[in-house]
Amino acid sequence: MSLSYAESLSYFPHKGKVGMPELNEKADDLKSKLDQFEQMIRQSHHTVVITGAGISTDAGIPDFRGPNGVWTLEKRGEKPSFNTSFDKALPTYTHRALCKLEENNYLHFVISQNIDGLHHRSGLPLDKLAELHGNVFSEECEACHTQ
């Protein structure tokens, strides 16, 4: 499946702010934030992570509102042209890190807006994952709900 999925998205006029810049943290600031994050996870009794399109951009799957996001390009009158396919995209470092947190009982559940299947492909168990918009690699029977 190619990323021409963007062309098949339903018309949606209120896309929010598009063309958002990428954030680049200074190394010292990032280290401090990661230390705080580590402490929060270690102290948490039930950690849930919510992910969106940004987690998959390093896999070559575009986001929607970033500098080259699907909706940003649309607003400029351009069509996205990506050669990445969902079946060839690989889980990113962040997908794998979340999987490792789950394996070590620090992460209890992931809620994802993504349809790319990369959380599951990274090794995250399906019973620890809610894919709000579905998954391009799974189908469900409308009658009996079997996947």
N, C-alpha and C. Protein backbone atom coordinates (compact mmCIF):
# COMPACT_ATOMS: atom_id res chain seq x y z
N MET A 1 0.85 -1.18 0.00
CA MET A 1 0.00 0.00 0.00
C MET A 1 0.89 1.23 0.00
N SER A 2 0.58 2.16 -0.85
CA SER A 2 1.38 3.38 -0.91
C SER A 2 0.76 4.45 -0.03
N LEU A 3 1.48 5.53 0.12
CA LEU A 3 0.98 6.61 0.95
C LEU A 3 0.02 7.50 0.20
N SER A 4 -0.53 7.03 -0.90
CA SER A 4 -1.56 7.79 -1.58
C SER A 4 -2.84 7.77 -0.75
N TYR A 5 -2.77 7.16 0.42
CA TYR A 5 -3.92 7.16 1.31
C TYR A 5 -4.36 8.60 1.59
N ALA A 6 -3.43 9.54 1.53
CA ALA A 6 -3.76 10.94 1.80
C ALA A 6 -4.82 11.45 0.84
N GLU A 7 -4.77 10.98 -0.40
CA GLU A 7 -5.75 11.41 -1.39
C GLU A 7 -7.13 10.84 -1.11
N SER A 8 -7.19 9.74 -0.38
CA SER A 8 -8.49 9.12 -0.12
C SER A 8 -9.11 9.54 1.21
N LEU A 9 -8.44 10.45 1.92
CA LEU A 9 -9.00 10.93 3.18
C LEU A 9 -10.25 11.75 2.92
N SER A 10 -11.20 11.64 3.81
CA SER A 10 -12.43 12.42 3.70
C SER A 10 -12.11 13.91 3.80
N TYR A 11 -12.89 14.72 3.09
CA TYR A 11 -12.70 16.16 3.17
C TYR A 11 -12.93 16.61 4.60
N PHE A 12 -12.03 17.41 5.09
CA PHE A 12 -12.09 17.88 6.47
C PHE A 12 -11.59 19.32 6.49
N PRO A 13 -12.49 20.31 6.56
CA PRO A 13 -12.08 21.70 6.41
C PRO A 13 -11.32 22.30 7.60
N HIS A 14 -11.53 21.80 8.79
CA HIS A 14 -10.93 22.42 9.99
C HIS A 14 -9.76 21.58 10.48
N LYS A 15 -8.62 21.78 9.86
CA LYS A 15 -7.45 20.95 10.13
C LYS A 15 -6.54 21.54 11.21
N GLY A 16 -6.91 22.68 11.76
CA GLY A 16 -6.06 23.31 12.76
C GLY A 16 -4.87 23.98 12.11
N LYS A 17 -3.89 24.32 12.92
CA LYS A 17 -2.70 25.01 12.43
C LYS A 17 -1.81 24.02 11.69
N VAL A 18 -1.42 24.37 10.48
CA VAL A 18 -0.54 23.51 9.69
C VAL A 18 0.80 24.21 9.47
N GLY A 19 1.79 23.46 8.99
CA GLY A 19 3.10 24.03 8.74
C GLY A 19 3.92 24.21 10.00
N MET A 20 3.60 23.42 11.01
CA MET A 20 4.29 23.54 12.29
C MET A 20 5.77 23.18 12.12
N PRO A 21 6.66 23.96 12.73
CA PRO A 21 8.09 23.66 12.60
C PRO A 21 8.48 22.45 13.46
N GLU A 22 9.53 21.79 13.05
CA GLU A 22 10.09 20.71 13.86
C GLU A 22 10.78 21.35 15.07
N LEU A 23 10.71 20.69 16.20
CA LEU A 23 11.38 21.20 17.40
C LEU A 23 12.71 20.48 17.58
N ASN A 24 13.74 21.25 17.81
CA ASN A 24 15.06 20.68 18.07
C ASN A 24 15.52 21.19 19.42
N GLU A 25 15.68 20.27 20.35
CA GLU A 25 16.10 20.62 21.70
C GLU A 25 17.62 20.71 21.78
N LYS A 26 18.10 21.61 22.63
CA LYS A 26 19.52 21.63 22.93
C LYS A 26 19.83 20.37 23.74
N ALA A 27 21.03 19.84 23.56
CA ALA A 27 21.40 18.58 24.21
C ALA A 27 21.20 18.62 25.72
N ASP A 28 21.61 19.70 26.37
CA ASP A 28 21.46 19.80 27.83
C ASP A 28 19.99 19.82 28.24
N ASP A 29 19.17 20.57 27.49
CA ASP A 29 17.74 20.63 27.79
C ASP A 29 17.09 19.27 27.59
N LEU A 30 17.47 18.59 26.52
CA LEU A 30 16.91 17.28 26.24
C LEU A 30 17.28 16.29 27.33
N LYS A 31 18.52 16.30 27.75
CA LYS A 31 18.98 15.40 28.82
C LYS A 31 18.17 15.64 30.09
N SER A 32 17.97 16.90 30.44
CA SER A 32 17.20 17.23 31.64
C SER A 32 15.76 16.74 31.53
N LYS A 33 15.15 16.94 30.37
CA LYS A 33 13.77 16.49 30.17
C LYS A 33 13.67 14.97 30.19
N LEU A 34 14.66 14.30 29.61
CA LEU A 34 14.65 12.84 29.63
C LEU A 34 14.83 12.29 31.04
N ASP A 35 15.66 12.95 31.83
CA ASP A 35 15.82 12.54 33.24
C ASP A 35 14.50 12.69 34.00
N GLN A 36 13.80 13.79 33.77
CA GLN A 36 12.49 14.00 34.41
C GLN A 36 11.49 12.94 33.94
N PHE A 37 11.51 12.67 32.65
CA PHE A 37 10.61 11.67 32.07
C PHE A 37 10.87 10.30 32.68
N GLU A 38 12.14 9.95 32.82
CA GLU A 38 12.50 8.66 33.42
C GLU A 38 11.95 8.56 34.84
N GLN A 39 12.11 9.61 35.62
CA GLN A 39 11.60 9.60 36.99
C GLN A 39 10.08 9.45 37.02
N MET A 40 9.41 10.14 36.12
CA MET A 40 7.95 10.03 36.07
C MET A 40 7.52 8.60 35.76
N ILE A 41 8.18 7.97 34.81
CA ILE A 41 7.82 6.60 34.44
C ILE A 41 8.13 5.64 35.59
N ARG A 42 9.27 5.80 36.22
CA ARG A 42 9.63 4.90 37.33
C ARG A 42 8.64 5.03 38.50
N GLN A 43 8.10 6.23 38.71
CA GLN A 43 7.18 6.46 39.82
C GLN A 43 5.72 6.15 39.47
N SER A 44 5.45 5.98 38.20
CA SER A 44 4.07 5.76 37.75
C SER A 44 3.59 4.36 38.13
N HIS A 45 2.33 4.28 38.47
CA HIS A 45 1.73 2.98 38.77
C HIS A 45 1.04 2.39 37.54
N HIS A 46 0.70 3.25 36.59
CA HIS A 46 0.02 2.77 35.38
C HIS A 46 0.28 3.77 34.25
N THR A 47 1.29 3.52 33.45
CA THR A 47 1.69 4.44 32.39
C THR A 47 0.96 4.12 31.09
N VAL A 48 0.32 5.14 30.53
CA VAL A 48 -0.36 5.04 29.24
C VAL A 48 0.25 6.11 28.34
N VAL A 49 0.57 5.73 27.11
CA VAL A 49 1.15 6.66 26.14
C VAL A 49 0.17 6.83 24.99
N ILE A 50 0.00 8.07 24.56
CA ILE A 50 -0.82 8.37 23.39
C ILE A 50 0.11 8.84 22.28
N THR A 51 0.01 8.20 21.12
CA THR A 51 0.89 8.57 20.01
C THR A 51 0.07 9.02 18.80
N GLY A 52 0.74 9.81 17.96
CA GLY A 52 0.15 10.28 16.72
C GLY A 52 1.16 10.17 15.60
N ALA A 53 0.89 10.88 14.53
CA ALA A 53 1.67 10.74 13.30
C ALA A 53 3.16 11.03 13.48
N GLY A 54 3.51 11.90 14.40
CA GLY A 54 4.91 12.26 14.59
C GLY A 54 5.82 11.11 14.94
N ILE A 55 5.28 10.07 15.56
CA ILE A 55 6.12 8.93 15.95
C ILE A 55 6.60 8.14 14.73
N SER A 56 5.91 8.27 13.61
CA SER A 56 6.25 7.48 12.43
C SER A 56 6.97 8.26 11.33
N THR A 57 7.23 9.54 11.55
CA THR A 57 7.87 10.32 10.49
C THR A 57 9.28 9.81 10.18
N ASP A 58 10.01 9.34 11.19
CA ASP A 58 11.35 8.80 10.92
C ASP A 58 11.30 7.48 10.15
N ALA A 59 10.12 6.88 10.05
CA ALA A 59 9.96 5.67 9.24
C ALA A 59 9.60 6.03 7.80
N GLY A 60 9.50 7.33 7.53
CA GLY A 60 9.17 7.78 6.18
C GLY A 60 7.69 8.01 5.94
N ILE A 61 6.90 7.90 7.00
CA ILE A 61 5.46 8.13 6.88
C ILE A 61 5.20 9.56 7.32
N PRO A 62 4.60 10.36 6.46
CA PRO A 62 4.44 11.78 6.79
C PRO A 62 3.41 12.02 7.88
N ASP A 63 3.59 13.13 8.59
CA ASP A 63 2.57 13.56 9.53
C ASP A 63 1.57 14.41 8.76
N PHE A 64 0.74 15.13 9.46
CA PHE A 64 -0.28 15.93 8.79
C PHE A 64 -0.01 17.42 8.86
N ARG A 65 0.49 17.90 10.00
CA ARG A 65 0.63 19.34 10.20
C ARG A 65 2.07 19.84 10.19
N GLY A 66 3.04 18.96 10.06
CA GLY A 66 4.45 19.36 10.07
C GLY A 66 4.82 20.15 8.83
N PRO A 67 6.09 20.56 8.73
CA PRO A 67 6.53 21.39 7.61
C PRO A 67 6.24 20.77 6.24
N ASN A 68 6.29 19.46 6.15
CA ASN A 68 5.98 18.76 4.90
C ASN A 68 4.82 17.79 5.08
N GLY A 69 3.96 18.11 6.04
CA GLY A 69 2.83 17.25 6.34
C GLY A 69 1.79 17.26 5.23
N VAL A 70 0.96 16.24 5.24
CA VAL A 70 -0.07 16.07 4.22
C VAL A 70 -0.96 17.31 4.13
N TRP A 71 -1.45 17.80 5.26
CA TRP A 71 -2.35 18.95 5.24
C TRP A 71 -1.60 20.26 4.97
N THR A 72 -0.34 20.33 5.37
CA THR A 72 0.47 21.52 5.08
C THR A 72 0.64 21.65 3.57
N LEU A 73 0.99 20.54 2.92
CA LEU A 73 1.16 20.57 1.46
C LEU A 73 -0.15 20.88 0.77
N GLU A 74 -1.23 20.30 1.28
CA GLU A 74 -2.54 20.56 0.70
C GLU A 74 -2.87 22.05 0.74
N LYS A 75 -2.58 22.69 1.86
CA LYS A 75 -2.86 24.12 2.01
C LYS A 75 -2.05 24.95 1.00
N ARG A 76 -0.84 24.48 0.67
CA ARG A 76 0.00 25.18 -0.30
C ARG A 76 -0.38 24.81 -1.74
N GLY A 77 -1.39 23.95 -1.89
CA GLY A 77 -1.81 23.53 -3.22
C GLY A 77 -0.93 22.46 -3.82
N GLU A 78 -0.16 21.78 -2.97
CA GLU A 78 0.74 20.73 -3.44
C GLU A 78 0.19 19.37 -3.03
N LYS A 79 0.57 18.35 -3.79
CA LYS A 79 0.20 16.98 -3.45
C LYS A 79 1.39 16.30 -2.82
N PRO A 80 1.16 15.52 -1.77
CA PRO A 80 2.28 14.78 -1.19
C PRO A 80 2.80 13.75 -2.20
N SER A 81 4.10 13.62 -2.27
CA SER A 81 4.68 12.59 -3.14
C SER A 81 5.70 11.82 -2.32
N PHE A 82 5.26 10.70 -1.80
CA PHE A 82 6.10 9.87 -0.95
C PHE A 82 6.23 8.50 -1.57
N ASN A 83 7.41 7.94 -1.50
CA ASN A 83 7.65 6.62 -2.06
C ASN A 83 7.59 5.52 -1.02
N THR A 84 7.38 5.89 0.22
CA THR A 84 7.33 4.91 1.30
C THR A 84 6.00 4.16 1.24
N SER A 85 6.04 2.90 1.56
CA SER A 85 4.80 2.14 1.66
C SER A 85 4.67 1.63 3.09
N PHE A 86 3.45 1.47 3.53
CA PHE A 86 3.23 1.00 4.90
C PHE A 86 3.89 -0.36 5.13
N ASP A 87 3.83 -1.23 4.13
CA ASP A 87 4.37 -2.58 4.34
C ASP A 87 5.90 -2.60 4.38
N LYS A 88 6.56 -1.57 3.89
CA LYS A 88 8.02 -1.52 3.93
C LYS A 88 8.55 -0.63 5.05
N ALA A 89 7.69 0.16 5.65
CA ALA A 89 8.12 1.04 6.74
C ALA A 89 8.51 0.19 7.95
N LEU A 90 9.55 0.60 8.63
CA LEU A 90 10.03 -0.12 9.80
C LEU A 90 9.77 0.69 11.06
N PRO A 91 9.51 0.02 12.19
CA PRO A 91 9.31 0.75 13.44
C PRO A 91 10.51 1.65 13.74
N THR A 92 10.23 2.81 14.29
CA THR A 92 11.27 3.78 14.62
C THR A 92 11.88 3.45 15.98
N TYR A 93 12.92 4.19 16.31
CA TYR A 93 13.54 4.05 17.62
C TYR A 93 12.50 4.24 18.73
N THR A 94 11.61 5.20 18.54
CA THR A 94 10.60 5.47 19.56
C THR A 94 9.62 4.31 19.70
N HIS A 95 9.20 3.71 18.59
CA HIS A 95 8.35 2.52 18.66
C HIS A 95 9.04 1.42 19.47
N ARG A 96 10.31 1.21 19.16
CA ARG A 96 11.06 0.14 19.84
C ARG A 96 11.28 0.47 21.32
N ALA A 97 11.49 1.75 21.63
CA ALA A 97 11.67 2.15 23.03
C ALA A 97 10.38 1.91 23.82
N LEU A 98 9.24 2.22 23.23
CA LEU A 98 7.96 1.97 23.92
C LEU A 98 7.77 0.47 24.13
N CYS A 99 8.14 -0.32 23.15
CA CYS A 99 8.04 -1.77 23.28
C CYS A 99 8.92 -2.26 24.43
N LYS A 100 10.12 -1.73 24.53
CA LYS A 100 11.04 -2.12 25.60
C LYS A 100 10.48 -1.72 26.97
N LEU A 101 9.86 -0.54 27.04
CA LEU A 101 9.22 -0.13 28.30
C LEU A 101 8.11 -1.09 28.68
N GLU A 102 7.34 -1.54 27.69
CA GLU A 102 6.27 -2.51 27.97
C GLU A 102 6.85 -3.84 28.43
N GLU A 103 7.89 -4.30 27.76
CA GLU A 103 8.53 -5.57 28.12
C GLU A 103 9.03 -5.55 29.56
N ASN A 104 9.45 -4.38 30.03
CA ASN A 104 9.97 -4.25 31.39
C ASN A 104 8.93 -3.75 32.39
N ASN A 105 7.66 -3.84 31.99
CA ASN A 105 6.51 -3.51 32.86
C ASN A 105 6.45 -2.05 33.31
N TYR A 106 7.03 -1.15 32.52
CA TYR A 106 6.90 0.28 32.82
C TYR A 106 5.75 0.91 32.04
N LEU A 107 5.42 0.33 30.91
CA LEU A 107 4.36 0.85 30.06
C LEU A 107 3.21 -0.15 30.06
N HIS A 108 2.01 0.35 30.33
CA HIS A 108 0.87 -0.55 30.46
C HIS A 108 -0.07 -0.53 29.26
N PHE A 109 -0.06 0.57 28.50
CA PHE A 109 -0.98 0.64 27.37
C PHE A 109 -0.56 1.77 26.44
N VAL A 110 -0.80 1.57 25.14
CA VAL A 110 -0.55 2.59 24.12
C VAL A 110 -1.84 2.85 23.37
N ILE A 111 -2.18 4.11 23.25
CA ILE A 111 -3.32 4.54 22.44
C ILE A 111 -2.73 5.27 21.24
N SER A 112 -3.03 4.79 20.05
CA SER A 112 -2.43 5.37 18.85
C SER A 112 -3.50 5.86 17.88
N GLN A 113 -3.21 7.00 17.26
CA GLN A 113 -4.06 7.51 16.19
C GLN A 113 -3.59 7.00 14.83
N ASN A 114 -2.48 6.28 14.81
CA ASN A 114 -1.86 5.86 13.56
C ASN A 114 -2.49 4.59 13.01
N ILE A 115 -2.44 4.48 11.69
CA ILE A 115 -2.98 3.30 11.00
C ILE A 115 -1.88 2.44 10.40
N ASP A 116 -0.62 2.79 10.68
CA ASP A 116 0.52 2.17 9.99
C ASP A 116 0.94 0.81 10.53
N GLY A 117 0.43 0.40 11.67
CA GLY A 117 0.76 -0.91 12.22
C GLY A 117 2.15 -1.02 12.83
N LEU A 118 2.87 0.09 12.95
CA LEU A 118 4.25 0.02 13.42
C LEU A 118 4.38 -0.31 14.90
N HIS A 119 3.39 0.05 15.70
CA HIS A 119 3.46 -0.33 17.12
C HIS A 119 3.46 -1.85 17.25
N HIS A 120 2.55 -2.49 16.57
CA HIS A 120 2.48 -3.95 16.65
C HIS A 120 3.72 -4.60 16.02
N ARG A 121 4.17 -4.05 14.90
CA ARG A 121 5.36 -4.60 14.24
C ARG A 121 6.62 -4.43 15.09
N SER A 122 6.60 -3.47 16.02
CA SER A 122 7.75 -3.29 16.91
C SER A 122 7.77 -4.35 18.01
N GLY A 123 6.67 -5.08 18.15
CA GLY A 123 6.59 -6.12 19.16
C GLY A 123 5.60 -5.84 20.27
N LEU A 124 4.94 -4.69 20.22
CA LEU A 124 3.95 -4.37 21.25
C LEU A 124 2.76 -5.31 21.11
N PRO A 125 2.37 -5.98 22.19
CA PRO A 125 1.24 -6.92 22.12
C PRO A 125 -0.07 -6.19 21.80
N LEU A 126 -0.92 -6.84 21.03
CA LEU A 126 -2.20 -6.23 20.65
C LEU A 126 -3.08 -5.92 21.85
N ASP A 127 -2.95 -6.69 22.93
CA ASP A 127 -3.79 -6.42 24.10
C ASP A 127 -3.30 -5.22 24.90
N LYS A 128 -2.20 -4.62 24.47
CA LYS A 128 -1.68 -3.40 25.10
C LYS A 128 -1.79 -2.20 24.16
N LEU A 129 -2.60 -2.34 23.10
CA LEU A 129 -2.65 -1.33 22.05
C LEU A 129 -4.07 -1.06 21.61
N ALA A 130 -4.43 0.22 21.54
CA ALA A 130 -5.69 0.64 20.94
C ALA A 130 -5.36 1.52 19.75
N GLU A 131 -5.77 1.09 18.57
CA GLU A 131 -5.54 1.87 17.35
C GLU A 131 -6.86 2.54 16.99
N LEU A 132 -6.97 3.81 17.35
CA LEU A 132 -8.24 4.53 17.26
C LEU A 132 -8.82 4.59 15.85
N HIS A 133 -7.96 4.67 14.85
CA HIS A 133 -8.43 4.78 13.47
C HIS A 133 -8.25 3.48 12.69
N GLY A 134 -7.97 2.40 13.39
CA GLY A 134 -7.79 1.12 12.73
C GLY A 134 -6.34 0.89 12.33
N ASN A 135 -6.15 -0.10 11.48
CA ASN A 135 -4.82 -0.52 11.07
C ASN A 135 -4.95 -1.02 9.63
N VAL A 136 -4.09 -0.54 8.74
CA VAL A 136 -4.19 -0.93 7.33
C VAL A 136 -3.91 -2.41 7.12
N PHE A 137 -3.38 -3.10 8.12
CA PHE A 137 -3.03 -4.50 7.97
C PHE A 137 -4.06 -5.45 8.58
N SER A 138 -5.13 -4.93 9.14
CA SER A 138 -6.13 -5.82 9.73
C SER A 138 -7.52 -5.43 9.27
N GLU A 139 -8.36 -6.44 9.20
CA GLU A 139 -9.76 -6.24 8.85
C GLU A 139 -10.60 -6.89 9.92
N GLU A 140 -11.82 -6.41 10.06
CA GLU A 140 -12.71 -6.95 11.07
C GLU A 140 -14.07 -7.23 10.46
N CYS A 141 -14.60 -8.39 10.74
CA CYS A 141 -15.93 -8.76 10.26
C CYS A 141 -16.96 -7.89 10.99
N GLU A 142 -17.82 -7.23 10.24
CA GLU A 142 -18.82 -6.37 10.86
C GLU A 142 -19.88 -7.17 11.62
N ALA A 143 -20.08 -8.42 11.24
CA ALA A 143 -21.10 -9.24 11.89
C ALA A 143 -20.61 -9.83 13.22
N CYS A 144 -19.43 -10.45 13.21
CA CYS A 144 -18.97 -11.14 14.42
C CYS A 144 -17.76 -10.48 15.08
N HIS A 145 -17.22 -9.45 14.45
CA HIS A 145 -16.09 -8.67 14.96
C HIS A 145 -14.79 -9.47 15.06
N THR A 146 -14.70 -10.56 14.32
CA THR A 146 -13.45 -11.32 14.27
C THR A 146 -12.46 -10.59 13.38
N GLN A 147 -11.22 -10.51 13.85
CA GLN A 147 -10.18 -9.87 13.04
C GLN A 147 -9.45 -10.91 12.23
